[in-house]
Amino acid sequence: MKLEHLTILNQHHEQYISNIIICQKIIKGFLARNNLLRNAKQNANERHTFITQVYLSGKRTMEKLKSLPKVCLVAFSVDDRVLTTTRGATAEAPDLQT
């Protein structure tokens, strides 16, 4: 073989290797995007499941609270010296200082 033939073969070999590297980059990018998309879908499903569970838990808790008997709550305000009930009645608060 002549030297010219070897240089031409070497050039073709280098071009072939560079094309292989380009193909590998394209395939790695494609696989990375697919993996990222799959992970994003999985995270979205997990978030949806979590939010649904929180919503249903809150809904069950609200239903349990609504089913409790009505109680008249009394709140004392020490500063105002006024007794307030949930029914809107007010009265003077007892002296809490001893």
N, C-alpha and C. Protein backbone atom coordinates (compact mmCIF):
# COMPACT_ATOMS: atom_id res chain seq x y z
N MET A 1 0.83 -1.17 0.00
CA MET A 1 0.00 0.00 0.00
C MET A 1 0.87 1.23 0.00
N LYS A 2 0.39 2.21 -0.69
CA LYS A 2 1.13 3.46 -0.77
C LYS A 2 0.73 4.36 0.39
N LEU A 3 1.53 5.33 0.64
CA LEU A 3 1.28 6.28 1.72
C LEU A 3 0.00 7.07 1.50
N GLU A 4 -0.30 7.38 0.26
CA GLU A 4 -1.53 8.12 -0.06
C GLU A 4 -2.76 7.31 0.34
N HIS A 5 -2.71 6.02 0.06
CA HIS A 5 -3.82 5.16 0.42
C HIS A 5 -4.03 5.11 1.94
N LEU A 6 -2.95 5.08 2.66
CA LEU A 6 -3.05 5.06 4.12
C LEU A 6 -3.65 6.35 4.66
N THR A 7 -3.27 7.48 4.11
CA THR A 7 -3.84 8.76 4.58
C THR A 7 -5.33 8.83 4.26
N ILE A 8 -5.73 8.36 3.08
CA ILE A 8 -7.15 8.37 2.71
C ILE A 8 -7.92 7.42 3.63
N LEU A 9 -7.38 6.25 3.89
CA LEU A 9 -8.03 5.32 4.81
C LEU A 9 -8.13 5.90 6.22
N ASN A 10 -7.12 6.58 6.65
CA ASN A 10 -7.11 7.21 7.97
C ASN A 10 -8.19 8.30 8.05
N GLN A 11 -8.32 9.10 6.98
CA GLN A 11 -9.34 10.15 6.96
C GLN A 11 -10.75 9.53 7.02
N HIS A 12 -10.97 8.48 6.23
CA HIS A 12 -12.27 7.81 6.26
C HIS A 12 -12.56 7.21 7.64
N HIS A 13 -11.54 6.66 8.25
CA HIS A 13 -11.70 6.09 9.59
C HIS A 13 -12.07 7.18 10.60
N GLU A 14 -11.39 8.30 10.57
CA GLU A 14 -11.68 9.41 11.49
C GLU A 14 -13.10 9.94 11.26
N GLN A 15 -13.51 10.05 9.99
CA GLN A 15 -14.86 10.51 9.69
C GLN A 15 -15.89 9.50 10.21
N TYR A 16 -15.62 8.24 10.03
CA TYR A 16 -16.50 7.18 10.51
C TYR A 16 -16.64 7.25 12.03
N ILE A 17 -15.54 7.42 12.72
CA ILE A 17 -15.55 7.52 14.20
C ILE A 17 -16.32 8.77 14.64
N SER A 18 -16.13 9.91 13.96
CA SER A 18 -16.85 11.13 14.33
C SER A 18 -18.35 10.97 14.11
N ASN A 19 -18.75 10.25 13.04
CA ASN A 19 -20.18 9.99 12.81
C ASN A 19 -20.75 9.08 13.90
N ILE A 20 -19.98 8.12 14.34
CA ILE A 20 -20.42 7.24 15.43
C ILE A 20 -20.63 8.05 16.70
N ILE A 21 -19.72 8.97 17.00
CA ILE A 21 -19.83 9.80 18.21
C ILE A 21 -21.07 10.68 18.12
N ILE A 22 -21.34 11.24 16.94
CA ILE A 22 -22.54 12.07 16.77
C ILE A 22 -23.80 11.23 17.00
N CYS A 23 -23.84 10.02 16.44
CA CYS A 23 -24.99 9.14 16.66
C CYS A 23 -25.17 8.81 18.14
N GLN A 24 -24.07 8.57 18.85
CA GLN A 24 -24.15 8.27 20.28
C GLN A 24 -24.71 9.46 21.05
N LYS A 25 -24.29 10.68 20.68
CA LYS A 25 -24.80 11.87 21.36
C LYS A 25 -26.31 12.02 21.14
N ILE A 26 -26.76 11.78 19.92
CA ILE A 26 -28.19 11.90 19.61
C ILE A 26 -28.99 10.86 20.40
N ILE A 27 -28.51 9.63 20.42
CA ILE A 27 -29.22 8.56 21.13
C ILE A 27 -29.23 8.82 22.64
N LYS A 28 -28.09 9.28 23.20
CA LYS A 28 -28.05 9.59 24.64
C LYS A 28 -29.02 10.71 24.98
N GLY A 29 -29.10 11.74 24.12
CA GLY A 29 -30.04 12.83 24.35
C GLY A 29 -31.48 12.35 24.31
N PHE A 30 -31.77 11.50 23.33
CA PHE A 30 -33.13 10.94 23.22
C PHE A 30 -33.49 10.13 24.46
N LEU A 31 -32.59 9.28 24.91
CA LEU A 31 -32.85 8.46 26.09
C LEU A 31 -32.98 9.32 27.35
N ALA A 32 -32.15 10.36 27.44
CA ALA A 32 -32.23 11.25 28.61
C ALA A 32 -33.57 11.98 28.64
N ARG A 33 -34.04 12.46 27.48
CA ARG A 33 -35.34 13.15 27.42
C ARG A 33 -36.47 12.19 27.79
N ASN A 34 -36.41 10.97 27.29
CA ASN A 34 -37.44 9.98 27.64
C ASN A 34 -37.45 9.68 29.13
N ASN A 35 -36.27 9.54 29.71
CA ASN A 35 -36.16 9.28 31.15
C ASN A 35 -36.72 10.47 31.94
N LEU A 36 -36.38 11.67 31.52
CA LEU A 36 -36.87 12.87 32.20
C LEU A 36 -38.38 12.98 32.10
N LEU A 37 -38.93 12.69 30.93
CA LEU A 37 -40.38 12.72 30.74
C LEU A 37 -41.07 11.68 31.61
N ARG A 38 -40.51 10.48 31.66
CA ARG A 38 -41.08 9.41 32.48
C ARG A 38 -41.07 9.81 33.96
N ASN A 39 -39.96 10.39 34.43
CA ASN A 39 -39.88 10.83 35.83
C ASN A 39 -40.85 11.96 36.10
N ALA A 40 -41.02 12.89 35.14
CA ALA A 40 -41.95 13.99 35.33
C ALA A 40 -43.38 13.47 35.44
N LYS A 41 -43.74 12.51 34.60
CA LYS A 41 -45.09 11.93 34.68
C LYS A 41 -45.30 11.21 36.01
N GLN A 42 -44.29 10.49 36.47
CA GLN A 42 -44.40 9.77 37.74
C GLN A 42 -44.56 10.77 38.90
N ASN A 43 -43.78 11.85 38.87
CA ASN A 43 -43.89 12.86 39.93
C ASN A 43 -45.26 13.53 39.90
N ALA A 44 -45.78 13.80 38.69
CA ALA A 44 -47.10 14.40 38.58
C ALA A 44 -48.17 13.47 39.14
N ASN A 45 -48.05 12.18 38.86
CA ASN A 45 -49.01 11.21 39.39
C ASN A 45 -48.93 11.13 40.91
N GLU A 46 -47.71 11.15 41.45
CA GLU A 46 -47.54 11.11 42.91
C GLU A 46 -48.13 12.35 43.57
N ARG A 47 -47.90 13.53 42.95
CA ARG A 47 -48.47 14.77 43.50
C ARG A 47 -49.99 14.72 43.46
N HIS A 48 -50.55 14.24 42.35
CA HIS A 48 -52.00 14.14 42.23
C HIS A 48 -52.57 13.20 43.29
N THR A 49 -51.92 12.07 43.49
CA THR A 49 -52.38 11.11 44.49
C THR A 49 -52.31 11.72 45.89
N PHE A 50 -51.22 12.41 46.18
CA PHE A 50 -51.06 13.03 47.50
C PHE A 50 -52.13 14.10 47.74
N ILE A 51 -52.34 14.95 46.74
CA ILE A 51 -53.34 16.03 46.89
C ILE A 51 -54.74 15.43 47.05
N THR A 52 -55.02 14.37 46.31
CA THR A 52 -56.32 13.72 46.43
C THR A 52 -56.50 13.13 47.82
N GLN A 53 -55.46 12.50 48.35
CA GLN A 53 -55.55 11.93 49.70
C GLN A 53 -55.76 13.03 50.74
N VAL A 54 -55.06 14.14 50.60
CA VAL A 54 -55.22 15.25 51.55
C VAL A 54 -56.63 15.81 51.46
N TYR A 55 -57.13 15.97 50.24
CA TYR A 55 -58.48 16.49 50.06
C TYR A 55 -59.52 15.57 50.69
N LEU A 56 -59.41 14.28 50.42
CA LEU A 56 -60.38 13.33 50.97
C LEU A 56 -60.29 13.25 52.49
N SER A 57 -59.07 13.32 53.02
CA SER A 57 -58.91 13.32 54.47
C SER A 57 -59.55 14.55 55.09
N GLY A 58 -59.34 15.69 54.47
CA GLY A 58 -59.96 16.92 54.96
C GLY A 58 -61.47 16.87 54.86
N LYS A 59 -61.96 16.28 53.78
CA LYS A 59 -63.41 16.16 53.59
C LYS A 59 -64.01 15.26 54.67
N ARG A 60 -63.35 14.11 54.94
CA ARG A 60 -63.84 13.21 56.00
C ARG A 60 -63.82 13.92 57.35
N THR A 61 -62.76 14.67 57.63
CA THR A 61 -62.66 15.38 58.90
C THR A 61 -63.77 16.41 59.02
N MET A 62 -64.05 17.14 57.93
CA MET A 62 -65.13 18.14 57.97
C MET A 62 -66.48 17.47 58.21
N GLU A 63 -66.71 16.33 57.57
CA GLU A 63 -67.97 15.62 57.78
C GLU A 63 -68.10 15.16 59.22
N LYS A 64 -67.00 14.69 59.82
CA LYS A 64 -67.04 14.28 61.23
C LYS A 64 -67.30 15.47 62.13
N LEU A 65 -66.67 16.61 61.82
CA LEU A 65 -66.89 17.80 62.64
C LEU A 65 -68.33 18.30 62.51
N LYS A 66 -68.89 18.22 61.32
CA LYS A 66 -70.27 18.67 61.13
C LYS A 66 -71.26 17.76 61.85
N SER A 67 -70.90 16.49 61.99
CA SER A 67 -71.82 15.55 62.64
C SER A 67 -71.78 15.66 64.16
N LEU A 68 -70.82 16.38 64.71
CA LEU A 68 -70.76 16.55 66.17
C LEU A 68 -71.93 17.41 66.63
N PRO A 69 -72.38 17.22 67.88
CA PRO A 69 -73.48 18.05 68.38
C PRO A 69 -73.02 19.49 68.54
N LYS A 70 -73.98 20.40 68.37
CA LYS A 70 -73.69 21.83 68.49
C LYS A 70 -73.45 22.17 69.96
N VAL A 71 -72.39 22.93 70.22
CA VAL A 71 -72.03 23.30 71.57
C VAL A 71 -71.92 24.82 71.61
N CYS A 72 -72.41 25.40 72.68
CA CYS A 72 -72.30 26.83 72.86
C CYS A 72 -70.93 27.13 73.46
N LEU A 73 -70.06 27.77 72.69
CA LEU A 73 -68.72 28.07 73.15
C LEU A 73 -68.69 29.44 73.81
N VAL A 74 -67.88 29.55 74.84
CA VAL A 74 -67.77 30.80 75.58
C VAL A 74 -66.33 31.27 75.50
N ALA A 75 -66.15 32.55 75.17
CA ALA A 75 -64.80 33.10 75.07
C ALA A 75 -64.71 34.30 75.99
N PHE A 76 -63.66 34.34 76.78
CA PHE A 76 -63.43 35.46 77.67
C PHE A 76 -62.31 36.31 77.11
N SER A 77 -62.51 37.59 77.15
CA SER A 77 -61.46 38.51 76.76
C SER A 77 -61.07 39.27 78.02
N VAL A 78 -59.86 39.05 78.48
CA VAL A 78 -59.41 39.65 79.73
C VAL A 78 -59.28 41.16 79.58
N ASP A 79 -58.81 41.59 78.43
CA ASP A 79 -58.61 43.03 78.23
C ASP A 79 -59.94 43.78 78.18
N ASP A 80 -60.90 43.23 77.49
CA ASP A 80 -62.17 43.92 77.29
C ASP A 80 -63.15 43.67 78.43
N ARG A 81 -62.91 42.68 79.23
CA ARG A 81 -63.80 42.31 80.33
C ARG A 81 -65.22 42.01 79.83
N VAL A 82 -65.27 41.39 78.65
CA VAL A 82 -66.58 41.08 78.06
C VAL A 82 -66.62 39.59 77.76
N LEU A 83 -67.74 38.99 78.06
CA LEU A 83 -67.97 37.58 77.80
C LEU A 83 -68.74 37.48 76.48
N THR A 84 -68.22 36.67 75.55
CA THR A 84 -68.87 36.53 74.25
C THR A 84 -69.16 35.06 74.00
N THR A 85 -70.36 34.76 73.57
CA THR A 85 -70.71 33.39 73.22
C THR A 85 -70.83 33.30 71.70
N THR A 86 -70.90 32.07 71.22
CA THR A 86 -71.03 31.88 69.77
C THR A 86 -72.41 32.31 69.28
N ARG A 87 -73.35 32.47 70.19
CA ARG A 87 -74.70 32.88 69.78
C ARG A 87 -74.85 34.40 69.76
N GLY A 88 -73.78 35.10 70.04
CA GLY A 88 -73.80 36.55 69.93
C GLY A 88 -74.14 37.29 71.21
N ALA A 89 -74.46 36.60 72.28
CA ALA A 89 -74.79 37.26 73.54
C ALA A 89 -73.51 37.74 74.21
N THR A 90 -73.60 38.87 74.85
CA THR A 90 -72.44 39.39 75.58
C THR A 90 -72.84 39.66 77.01
N ALA A 91 -71.87 39.55 77.89
CA ALA A 91 -72.07 39.83 79.31
C ALA A 91 -70.74 40.24 79.88
N GLU A 92 -70.75 40.73 81.08
CA GLU A 92 -69.50 41.15 81.70
C GLU A 92 -68.75 39.93 82.19
N ALA A 93 -67.46 39.89 81.92
CA ALA A 93 -66.62 38.76 82.29
C ALA A 93 -66.33 38.80 83.79
N PRO A 94 -66.17 37.63 84.40
CA PRO A 94 -65.83 37.62 85.82
C PRO A 94 -64.39 38.09 86.03
N ASP A 95 -64.12 38.55 87.23
CA ASP A 95 -62.78 39.06 87.57
C ASP A 95 -61.84 37.87 87.71
N LEU A 96 -60.82 37.83 86.83
CA LEU A 96 -59.87 36.72 86.85
C LEU A 96 -58.64 37.00 87.69
N GLN A 97 -58.48 38.24 88.14
CA GLN A 97 -57.31 38.58 88.92
C GLN A 97 -57.55 38.20 90.37
N THR A 98 -56.54 37.64 91.01
CA THR A 98 -56.68 37.25 92.42
C THR A 98 -55.72 38.00 93.28
